[in-house]
C-alpha atoms as a PDB file:
ATOM      1  CA  MET A   1      -6.770 -23.121 -18.149  1.00  0.00           C
ATOM      2  CA  LYS A   2      -8.188 -26.548 -17.290  1.00  0.00           C
ATOM      3  CA  THR A   3      -5.227 -27.222 -14.987  1.00  0.00           C
ATOM      4  CA  ILE A   4      -5.827 -23.996 -13.036  1.00  0.00           C
ATOM      5  CA  LYS A   5      -9.512 -24.827 -12.601  1.00  0.00           C
ATOM      6  CA  THR A   6      -8.630 -28.359 -11.431  1.00  0.00           C
ATOM      7  CA  VAL A   7      -6.123 -27.024  -8.917  1.00  0.00           C
ATOM      8  CA  GLN A   8      -8.671 -24.509  -7.615  1.00  0.00           C
ATOM      9  CA  THR A   9     -11.264 -27.256  -7.210  1.00  0.00           C
ATOM     10  CA  ILE A  10      -8.806 -29.459  -5.317  1.00  0.00           C
ATOM     11  CA  VAL A  11      -7.756 -26.624  -2.999  1.00  0.00           C
ATOM     12  CA  ILE A  12     -11.371 -25.713  -2.234  1.00  0.00           C
ATOM     13  CA  SER A  13     -12.287 -29.362  -1.624  1.00  0.00           C
ATOM     14  CA  VAL A  14      -9.359 -29.948   0.720  1.00  0.00           C
ATOM     15  CA  ALA A  15     -10.095 -26.745   2.626  1.00  0.00           C
ATOM     16  CA  ALA A  16     -13.745 -27.698   3.013  1.00  0.00           C
ATOM     17  CA  LEU A  17     -12.928 -31.215   4.185  1.00  0.00           C
ATOM     18  CA  THR A  18     -10.353 -29.925   6.632  1.00  0.00           C
ATOM     19  CA  PHE A  19     -12.829 -27.484   8.158  1.00  0.00           C
ATOM     20  CA  VAL A  20     -15.735 -29.910   8.316  1.00  0.00           C
ATOM     21  CA  GLY A  21     -13.593 -32.719   9.674  1.00  0.00           C
ATOM     22  CA  THR A  22     -12.198 -30.811  12.641  1.00  0.00           C
ATOM     23  CA  PRO A  23     -13.579 -31.126  16.164  1.00  0.00           C
ATOM     24  CA  GLY A  24     -13.923 -27.332  16.160  1.00  0.00           C
ATOM     25  CA  TYR A  25     -16.588 -27.616  13.503  1.00  0.00           C
ATOM     26  CA  ALA A  26     -18.640 -29.944  15.700  1.00  0.00           C
ATOM     27  CA  TYR A  27     -18.392 -27.507  18.579  1.00  0.00           C
ATOM     28  CA  SER A  28     -19.227 -24.575  16.325  1.00  0.00           C
ATOM     29  CA  ARG A  29     -22.353 -26.368  15.136  1.00  0.00           C
ATOM     30  CA  LYS A  30     -23.368 -27.219  18.712  1.00  0.00           C
ATOM     31  CA  VAL A  31     -22.758 -23.651  19.861  1.00  0.00           C
ATOM     32  CA  LYS A  32     -24.652 -22.255  16.892  1.00  0.00           C
ATOM     33  CA  ASP A  33     -27.618 -24.530  17.578  1.00  0.00           C
ATOM     34  CA  ALA A  34     -27.660 -23.866  21.321  1.00  0.00           C
ATOM     35  CA  CYS A  35     -27.149 -20.116  21.051  1.00  0.00           C
ATOM     36  CA  SER A  36     -29.230 -19.198  18.009  1.00  0.00           C
ATOM     37  CA  ALA A  37     -32.122 -17.717  20.032  1.00  0.00           C
ATOM     38  CA  ASP A  38     -29.702 -15.758  22.237  1.00  0.00           C
ATOM     39  CA  TYR A  39     -27.872 -14.534  19.166  1.00  0.00           C
ATOM     40  CA  SER A  40     -31.108 -13.369  17.530  1.00  0.00           C
ATOM     41  CA  SER A  41     -32.498 -11.605  20.577  1.00  0.00           C
ATOM     42  CA  LEU A  42     -29.313 -10.106  22.023  1.00  0.00           C
ATOM     43  CA  CYS A  43     -26.532  -9.848  19.483  1.00  0.00           C
ATOM     44  CA  GLY A  44     -28.031 -10.346  16.026  1.00  0.00           C
ATOM     45  CA  LYS A  45     -26.531  -7.162  14.650  1.00  0.00           C
ATOM     46  CA  TYR A  46     -23.005  -8.588  14.908  1.00  0.00           C
ATOM     47  CA  LYS A  47     -21.395 -10.843  12.344  1.00  0.00           C
ATOM     48  CA  GLN A  48     -21.035 -14.450  13.457  1.00  0.00           C
ATOM     49  CA  GLY A  49     -17.496 -15.192  14.520  1.00  0.00           C
ATOM     50  CA  SER A  50     -16.633 -11.520  15.035  1.00  0.00           C
ATOM     51  CA  SER A  51     -14.943 -10.034  18.074  1.00  0.00           C
ATOM     52  CA  GLU A  52     -17.980  -7.758  18.466  1.00  0.00           C
ATOM     53  CA  LEU A  53     -20.232 -10.798  18.800  1.00  0.00           C
ATOM     54  CA  ARG A  54     -17.901 -12.315  21.376  1.00  0.00           C
ATOM     55  CA  ARG A  55     -18.006  -9.074  23.390  1.00  0.00           C
ATOM     56  CA  CYS A  56     -21.803  -8.934  23.096  1.00  0.00           C
ATOM     57  CA  PHE A  57     -22.152 -12.472  24.435  1.00  0.00           C
ATOM     58  CA  GLU A  58     -19.669 -11.666  27.195  1.00  0.00           C
ATOM     59  CA  SER A  59     -21.579  -8.578  28.280  1.00  0.00           C
ATOM     60  CA  ASN A  60     -24.872 -10.532  28.209  1.00  0.00           C
ATOM     61  CA  ARG A  61     -23.561 -13.737  29.774  1.00  0.00           C
ATOM     62  CA  ARG A  62     -25.868 -13.504  32.784  1.00  0.00           C
ATOM     63  CA  VAL A  63     -28.969 -13.621  30.557  1.00  0.00           C
ATOM     64  CA  LEU A  64     -27.784 -16.216  28.034  1.00  0.00           C
ATOM     65  CA  SER A  65     -29.743 -19.454  28.084  1.00  0.00           C
ATOM     66  CA  ARG A  66     -28.231 -22.295  30.091  1.00  0.00           C
ATOM     67  CA  ASP A  67     -27.988 -24.430  26.926  1.00  0.00           C
ATOM     68  CA  CYS A  68     -25.965 -21.711  25.229  1.00  0.00           C
ATOM     69  CA  VAL A  69     -23.603 -21.277  28.164  1.00  0.00           C
ATOM     70  CA  GLU A  70     -23.128 -25.049  28.443  1.00  0.00           C
ATOM     71  CA  ALA A  71     -22.308 -25.268  24.731  1.00  0.00           C
ATOM     72  CA  LEU A  72     -19.836 -22.387  25.029  1.00  0.00           C
ATOM     73  CA  VAL A  73     -18.181 -24.025  28.053  1.00  0.00           C
ATOM     74  CA  ASN A  74     -18.000 -27.409  26.291  1.00  0.00           C
ATOM     75  CA  ALA A  75     -16.448 -25.746  23.255  1.00  0.00           C
ATOM     76  CA  GLY A  76     -13.837 -24.109  25.459  1.00  0.00           C
ATOM     77  CA  ASP A  77     -15.033 -20.641  24.471  1.00  0.00           C
ATOM     78  CA  VAL A  78     -15.805 -19.558  28.035  1.00  0.00           C
ATOM     79  CA  PRO A  79     -14.610 -20.778  31.444  1.00  0.00           C
ATOM     80  CA  ALA A  80     -16.672 -23.316  33.407  1.00  0.00           C
ATOM     81  CA  ARG A  81     -17.188 -20.748  36.150  1.00  0.00           C
ATOM     82  CA  TYR A  82     -19.822 -19.151  33.884  1.00  0.00           C
ATOM     83  CA  LEU A  83     -22.072 -22.108  34.668  1.00  0.00           C
ATOM     84  CA  ARG A  84     -21.613 -21.671  38.427  1.00  0.00           C
ATOM     85  CA  SER A  85     -22.488 -17.976  38.299  1.00  0.00           C
ATOM     86  CA  ARG A  86     -25.959 -18.695  36.937  1.00  0.00           C
END
């Protein structure tokens, strides 16, 4: 039983370190910070990371804050042309 618990702890720790240590995590944090107000006011009913949220942001891209759009562009989530169309 102790061995199973140790293995579970190791797997969880490695998974957490892998996620936190990736560049994607840094972008996700930046996007979350930059887009939190837009998320709350426009798309708060959708689960973060869901395809519904992505579609909501897409359909509202013209009213998203510039900071949010810049963060999304920098993260590679949307094309740079979204900044030019503002």
